[in-house]
Amino acid sequence: MKYKVFVDGGEGTTGLKIHEYFAKRDDIEILNIDRNRRKDLEERVSFISRADISFLCLPDGAASEIAAAAPKDARILDTSTAHRTNREWTYGMPEISPTRRNEIRESSRVAVPGCHATGVIMLIKPLIESGIVSRDYPFAATSLTGYSGGGKKMIAQYEAGGDPALESPRQYGITQSHKHIPEILAATGISHAPGFMPIVADYFSGMEVTIPVQGCGASKKETLETFKEFYGGQKLVKVVDNLDDGGFVAANRLAGTNRMEITVAGNDENILLIATYDNLGKGASGAAIQNMNIMLGIDEEKGLI
């Protein structure tokens, strides 16, 4: 069986990566819109109506516009920020609750999580659900990403070279109002925004999120076991005993994959939660494909391993 898929806005980084995944599959038929009509709202809605699944790889405003115009029963995956906290949409992170896969499978509107938010949420959620920490714990997270996370413009800047500032890691989001914070709050249920320190560095892809936890009442070993139980049986997320490579953890260690690996480092007094993954894989396009597979009722790893 071939599934008809429409990608609206397939010229950006996420859309292009999704097309790369589909090029390796024989069960997907891409519905290609005429380039001269790719901004024609009526024409795009007609493609969404004919597709089994449509991807929105658009700026927030454009994603909101086309989603509102599309038929209610059209099945849509939005990779933008526009609908991640919208209660009428399902947040597409199947690993964070026992019922979430079924909710995704039955939904006609699924919001794909943000890259930074993915690691932060998946490190905080088991602590909250297990009661190791309370919802008002003062979380802080550092998230290091490759420059591909900034899209085509940032990729071009880094690959052109010539700017000494780009040779050094650069912290951003310094106003503490990063666009991923609302979905972190919504998905974890914590009572106030975490301190959030995103950093972009001079490598193409890969992401490392770290969260320190102190005074939680659980040992490092107990915390690790909590994570293993929470994510046990997951296909694309694994909890491992150690990510240490000679005293270092490389942020690009899972670049080019669609997996996430989580560990609990530090010691009993100062626990350090670490998640590594690819910002373009499990942090973006790979997650979109995983959600599509679930919505279609096929193996969620299909085309991702």
Protein backbone atom coordinates (compact mmCIF):
# COMPACT_ATOMS: atom_id res chain seq x y z
CA MET A 1 0.00 0.00 0.00
CA LYS A 2 1.19 3.50 -0.82
CA TYR A 3 0.29 6.45 1.41
CA LYS A 4 -0.26 9.84 -0.21
CA VAL A 5 1.78 12.55 1.54
CA PHE A 6 1.84 16.30 0.98
CA VAL A 7 4.66 18.46 2.39
CA ASP A 8 3.66 22.13 2.57
CA GLY A 9 6.80 24.27 2.74
CA GLY A 10 9.28 21.58 1.79
CA GLU A 11 12.08 24.04 0.92
CA GLY A 12 13.25 24.60 4.51
CA THR A 13 15.65 22.43 6.51
CA THR A 14 12.95 20.28 8.09
CA GLY A 15 11.00 19.81 4.87
CA LEU A 16 14.10 18.89 2.88
CA LYS A 17 15.10 16.35 5.52
CA ILE A 18 11.61 14.80 5.44
CA HIS A 19 11.94 14.41 1.66
CA GLU A 20 15.27 12.63 2.23
CA TYR A 21 13.53 10.07 4.43
CA PHE A 22 10.80 9.51 1.85
CA ALA A 23 13.31 8.99 -0.95
CA LYS A 24 14.30 5.73 0.75
CA ARG A 25 10.74 4.42 1.13
CA ASP A 26 8.56 2.55 -1.33
CA ASP A 27 5.31 3.02 0.61
CA ILE A 28 5.10 6.81 0.19
CA GLU A 29 3.70 8.74 -2.77
CA ILE A 30 4.59 12.44 -2.59
CA LEU A 31 1.92 14.80 -3.87
CA ASN A 32 3.89 17.54 -5.62
CA ILE A 33 2.32 20.95 -5.94
CA ASP A 34 3.15 23.21 -8.91
CA ARG A 35 5.91 25.57 -7.74
CA ASN A 36 3.98 28.53 -9.13
CA ARG A 37 1.04 27.69 -6.87
CA ARG A 38 2.83 26.74 -3.66
CA LYS A 39 1.57 29.93 -1.95
CA ASP A 40 -1.97 29.52 -3.26
CA LEU A 41 -4.07 28.73 -0.18
CA GLU A 42 -6.93 27.09 -2.08
CA GLU A 43 -4.57 24.86 -4.07
CA ARG A 44 -2.67 23.80 -0.93
CA VAL A 45 -5.91 22.95 0.87
CA SER A 46 -6.91 20.76 -2.09
CA PHE A 47 -3.63 18.84 -1.74
CA ILE A 48 -4.17 18.43 2.01
CA SER A 49 -7.66 17.11 1.31
CA ARG A 50 -6.29 14.42 -1.04
CA ALA A 51 -3.40 13.33 1.18
CA ASP A 52 -3.42 10.63 3.82
CA ILE A 53 -0.99 12.78 5.84
CA SER A 54 0.23 16.35 5.34
CA PHE A 55 3.28 18.00 6.89
CA LEU A 56 3.39 21.73 7.59
CA CYS A 57 7.00 22.94 7.39
CA LEU A 58 6.13 26.61 7.57
CA PRO A 59 6.53 29.72 9.74
CA ASP A 60 4.05 29.87 12.61
CA GLY A 61 1.64 32.31 10.97
CA ALA A 62 1.47 30.40 7.71
CA ALA A 63 1.01 27.10 9.57
CA SER A 64 -1.90 28.54 11.56
CA GLU A 65 -3.52 29.87 8.40
CA ILE A 66 -3.42 26.63 6.43
CA ALA A 67 -4.42 24.49 9.41
CA ALA A 68 -7.49 26.65 9.99
CA ALA A 69 -8.45 26.41 6.30
CA ALA A 70 -7.97 22.64 6.00
CA PRO A 71 -10.84 20.16 6.51
CA LYS A 72 -11.23 19.08 10.14
CA ASP A 73 -10.72 15.42 9.24
CA ALA A 74 -7.52 16.05 7.25
CA ARG A 75 -4.56 14.51 9.06
CA ILE A 76 -1.86 17.10 9.63
CA LEU A 77 1.57 17.13 11.28
CA ASP A 78 2.81 20.63 12.09
CA THR A 79 6.56 21.08 12.60
CA SER A 80 6.25 24.76 13.57
CA THR A 81 5.74 26.23 17.04
CA ALA A 82 2.19 27.33 16.25
CA HIS A 83 0.17 24.48 17.74
CA ARG A 84 2.39 22.84 20.38
CA THR A 85 0.37 24.17 23.31
CA ASN A 86 -3.00 24.12 21.54
CA ARG A 87 -5.36 21.76 23.39
CA GLU A 88 -7.05 20.81 20.12
CA TRP A 89 -3.75 19.35 18.89
CA THR A 90 -1.92 16.29 20.17
CA TYR A 91 1.64 16.92 21.29
CA GLY A 92 3.68 14.42 19.30
CA MET A 93 5.97 12.92 21.93
CA PRO A 94 4.86 9.27 22.20
CA GLU A 95 7.29 8.35 24.98
CA ILE A 96 6.01 10.67 27.72
CA SER A 97 2.79 8.89 28.66
CA PRO A 98 1.28 5.39 28.38
CA THR A 99 -1.68 6.77 26.41
CA ARG A 100 0.14 9.18 24.11
CA ARG A 101 0.77 6.76 21.23
CA ASN A 102 -2.90 5.94 20.99
CA GLU A 103 -3.77 9.65 21.15
CA ILE A 104 -1.37 10.32 18.27
CA ARG A 105 -2.70 7.35 16.30
CA GLU A 106 -6.28 8.62 16.54
CA SER A 107 -5.57 12.31 16.10
CA SER A 108 -6.04 14.38 12.97
CA ARG A 109 -3.83 17.19 14.30
CA VAL A 110 -0.36 16.46 15.74
CA ALA A 111 2.24 19.06 16.73
CA VAL A 112 5.85 17.91 16.36
CA PRO A 113 7.97 18.92 19.39
CA GLY A 114 10.79 21.46 19.20
CA CYS A 115 14.39 20.28 19.19
CA HIS A 116 15.51 21.86 22.48
CA ALA A 117 12.19 21.09 24.14
CA THR A 118 12.48 17.40 23.28
CA GLY A 119 15.52 16.83 25.51
CA VAL A 120 14.34 19.10 28.32
CA ILE A 121 10.91 17.49 28.53
CA MET A 122 12.21 13.94 28.37
CA LEU A 123 14.64 14.62 31.21
CA ILE A 124 12.12 16.39 33.46
CA LYS A 125 9.02 14.23 32.87
CA PRO A 126 10.16 11.05 34.70
CA LEU A 127 11.18 13.09 37.75
CA ILE A 128 7.75 14.71 37.99
CA GLU A 129 5.73 11.56 37.29
CA SER A 130 7.72 9.53 39.84
CA GLY A 131 7.52 12.22 42.52
CA ILE A 132 11.32 12.46 42.82
CA VAL A 133 10.91 16.23 42.56
CA SER A 134 7.88 18.48 42.92
CA ARG A 135 6.35 20.52 40.12
CA ASP A 136 7.75 23.70 41.66
CA TYR A 137 11.38 22.50 41.62
CA PRO A 138 13.66 25.26 40.19
CA PHE A 139 14.85 23.49 37.03
CA ALA A 140 17.63 24.80 34.82
CA ALA A 141 18.71 23.31 31.49
CA THR A 142 21.62 23.82 29.11
CA SER A 143 21.07 22.76 25.50
CA LEU A 144 23.94 22.63 23.02
CA THR A 145 23.08 22.32 19.33
CA GLY A 146 24.79 22.22 15.96
CA TYR A 147 24.20 25.15 13.64
CA SER A 148 21.77 23.25 11.40
CA GLY A 149 19.16 23.92 14.10
CA GLY A 150 19.10 27.55 12.96
CA GLY A 151 17.80 26.71 9.49
CA LYS A 152 19.05 27.55 6.02
CA LYS A 153 20.18 31.10 6.82
CA MET A 154 22.33 30.04 9.78
CA ILE A 155 23.73 27.06 7.88
CA ALA A 156 24.82 29.41 5.09
CA GLN A 157 26.45 31.78 7.58
CA TYR A 158 28.49 29.06 9.25
CA GLU A 159 29.49 27.32 6.05
CA ALA A 160 30.54 30.59 4.37
CA GLY A 161 33.15 31.12 7.08
CA GLY A 162 35.06 34.34 7.64
CA ASP A 163 33.33 35.40 10.86
CA PRO A 164 35.50 34.77 13.96
CA ALA A 165 32.43 34.94 16.23
CA LEU A 166 31.08 31.77 14.62
CA GLU A 167 34.20 29.84 15.60
CA SER A 168 33.14 30.01 19.26
CA PRO A 169 30.05 28.52 20.94
CA ARG A 170 27.39 31.23 21.22
CA GLN A 171 24.72 31.39 23.88
CA TYR A 172 21.36 32.83 22.86
CA GLY A 173 17.84 33.08 24.27
CA ILE A 174 19.35 35.35 26.92
CA THR A 175 16.03 37.11 27.55
CA GLN A 176 14.74 33.78 28.94
CA SER A 177 11.78 33.90 26.58
CA HIS A 178 12.81 31.17 24.14
CA LYS A 179 9.96 29.92 21.95
CA HIS A 180 10.27 26.36 23.30
CA ILE A 181 9.56 27.30 26.93
CA PRO A 182 5.73 27.26 26.62
CA GLU A 183 5.72 23.68 25.34
CA ILE A 184 8.17 22.62 28.06
CA LEU A 185 5.76 23.98 30.68
CA ALA A 186 2.72 22.40 29.03
CA ALA A 187 4.26 18.95 28.49
CA THR A 188 5.96 18.58 31.89
CA GLY A 189 3.39 20.29 34.11
CA ILE A 190 6.08 22.16 36.07
CA SER A 191 4.83 25.29 37.79
CA HIS A 192 7.28 27.85 36.43
CA ALA A 193 9.66 28.23 33.52
CA PRO A 194 13.08 26.62 33.86
CA GLY A 195 16.23 28.62 33.51
CA PHE A 196 17.11 27.80 29.91
CA MET A 197 20.53 28.23 28.30
CA PRO A 198 20.59 27.29 24.58
CA ILE A 199 23.99 27.35 22.88
CA VAL A 200 24.85 26.99 19.19
CA ALA A 201 28.32 25.84 18.15
CA ASP A 202 30.38 25.33 15.02
CA TYR A 203 29.38 21.78 14.08
CA PHE A 204 26.57 20.72 11.77
CA SER A 205 24.19 18.62 13.84
CA GLY A 206 23.74 16.90 17.17
CA MET A 207 22.29 18.02 20.47
CA GLU A 208 23.12 17.58 24.14
CA VAL A 209 20.76 18.67 26.92
CA THR A 210 21.92 18.67 30.55
CA ILE A 211 19.87 19.32 33.68
CA PRO A 212 21.40 19.40 37.19
CA VAL A 213 19.29 18.17 40.10
CA GLN A 214 20.16 18.70 43.76
CA GLY A 215 18.48 17.71 47.00
CA CYS A 216 15.82 15.56 45.38
CA GLY A 217 15.96 12.77 47.98
CA ALA A 218 16.83 10.06 45.47
CA SER A 219 20.30 8.67 44.84
CA LYS A 220 21.98 8.64 41.46
CA LYS A 221 21.28 4.89 41.16
CA GLU A 222 17.61 5.29 42.15
CA THR A 223 17.20 8.11 39.64
CA LEU A 224 18.76 6.02 36.86
CA GLU A 225 16.41 3.13 37.66
CA THR A 226 13.45 5.53 37.56
CA PHE A 227 14.44 6.59 34.05
CA LYS A 228 14.95 2.99 32.91
CA GLU A 229 11.49 2.07 34.13
CA PHE A 230 9.84 5.15 32.62
CA TYR A 231 11.38 4.65 29.17
CA GLY A 232 11.56 0.87 29.23
CA GLY A 233 10.53 -0.71 25.93
CA GLN A 234 10.78 2.50 23.92
CA LYS A 235 12.05 2.00 20.39
CA LEU A 236 13.91 5.24 19.78
CA VAL A 237 14.79 6.32 23.33
CA LYS A 238 17.24 4.34 25.47
CA VAL A 239 18.46 4.91 29.01
CA VAL A 240 22.08 3.83 29.36
CA ASP A 241 24.41 3.49 32.33
CA ASN A 242 27.08 5.77 30.93
CA LEU A 243 27.71 8.21 28.07
CA ASP A 244 31.20 9.10 29.29
CA ASP A 245 33.93 9.03 26.63
CA GLY A 246 37.13 9.66 28.53
CA GLY A 247 35.50 12.27 30.72
CA PHE A 248 33.62 13.96 27.86
CA VAL A 249 30.18 13.68 26.27
CA ALA A 250 30.14 14.82 22.63
CA ALA A 251 27.01 16.68 21.55
CA ASN A 252 27.28 15.22 18.03
CA ARG A 253 27.66 11.60 19.14
CA LEU A 254 24.23 10.67 17.69
CA ALA A 255 24.36 12.98 14.66
CA GLY A 256 22.74 11.37 11.64
CA THR A 257 20.51 9.11 13.75
CA ASN A 258 16.91 9.26 14.96
CA ARG A 259 17.63 7.93 18.44
CA MET A 260 17.98 9.51 21.85
CA GLU A 261 20.19 8.22 24.64
CA ILE A 262 19.73 9.34 28.24
CA THR A 263 21.93 8.82 31.27
CA VAL A 264 22.17 9.92 34.89
CA ALA A 265 25.67 11.18 35.75
CA GLY A 266 27.17 13.15 38.63
CA ASN A 267 26.82 11.81 42.18
CA ASP A 268 24.20 11.42 44.90
CA GLU A 269 24.49 15.08 45.96
CA ASN A 270 24.76 16.57 42.49
CA ILE A 271 22.88 14.51 39.91
CA LEU A 272 23.32 15.44 36.25
CA LEU A 273 20.75 14.32 33.70
CA ILE A 274 22.04 14.12 30.13
CA ALA A 275 20.24 13.49 26.82
CA THR A 276 21.97 13.27 23.44
CA TYR A 277 20.29 13.10 20.03
CA ASP A 278 20.32 14.74 16.60
CA ASN A 279 18.53 18.08 16.40
CA LEU A 280 17.49 17.19 12.82
CA GLY A 281 16.52 13.60 13.74
CA LYS A 282 14.74 12.90 17.01
CA GLY A 283 14.69 16.67 17.50
CA ALA A 284 12.82 17.50 14.28
CA SER A 285 12.27 15.57 11.03
CA GLY A 286 12.87 12.13 12.50
CA ALA A 287 10.26 12.84 15.17
CA ALA A 288 7.85 13.99 12.46
CA ILE A 289 8.29 10.71 10.57
CA GLN A 290 7.93 8.70 13.79
CA ASN A 291 4.60 10.44 14.44
CA MET A 292 3.48 9.88 10.86
CA ASN A 293 4.19 6.17 11.17
CA ILE A 294 2.16 5.99 14.38
CA MET A 295 -0.75 7.88 12.78
CA LEU A 296 -0.72 5.44 9.86
CA GLY A 297 -0.63 2.43 12.20
CA ILE A 298 2.70 1.10 10.93
CA ASP A 299 6.00 0.38 12.67
CA GLU A 300 7.09 3.69 14.18
CA GLU A 301 10.74 2.94 13.36
CA LYS A 302 10.04 2.45 9.66
CA GLY A 303 12.48 4.51 7.61
CA LEU A 304 14.30 5.72 10.71
CA ILE A 305 16.89 3.01 11.41
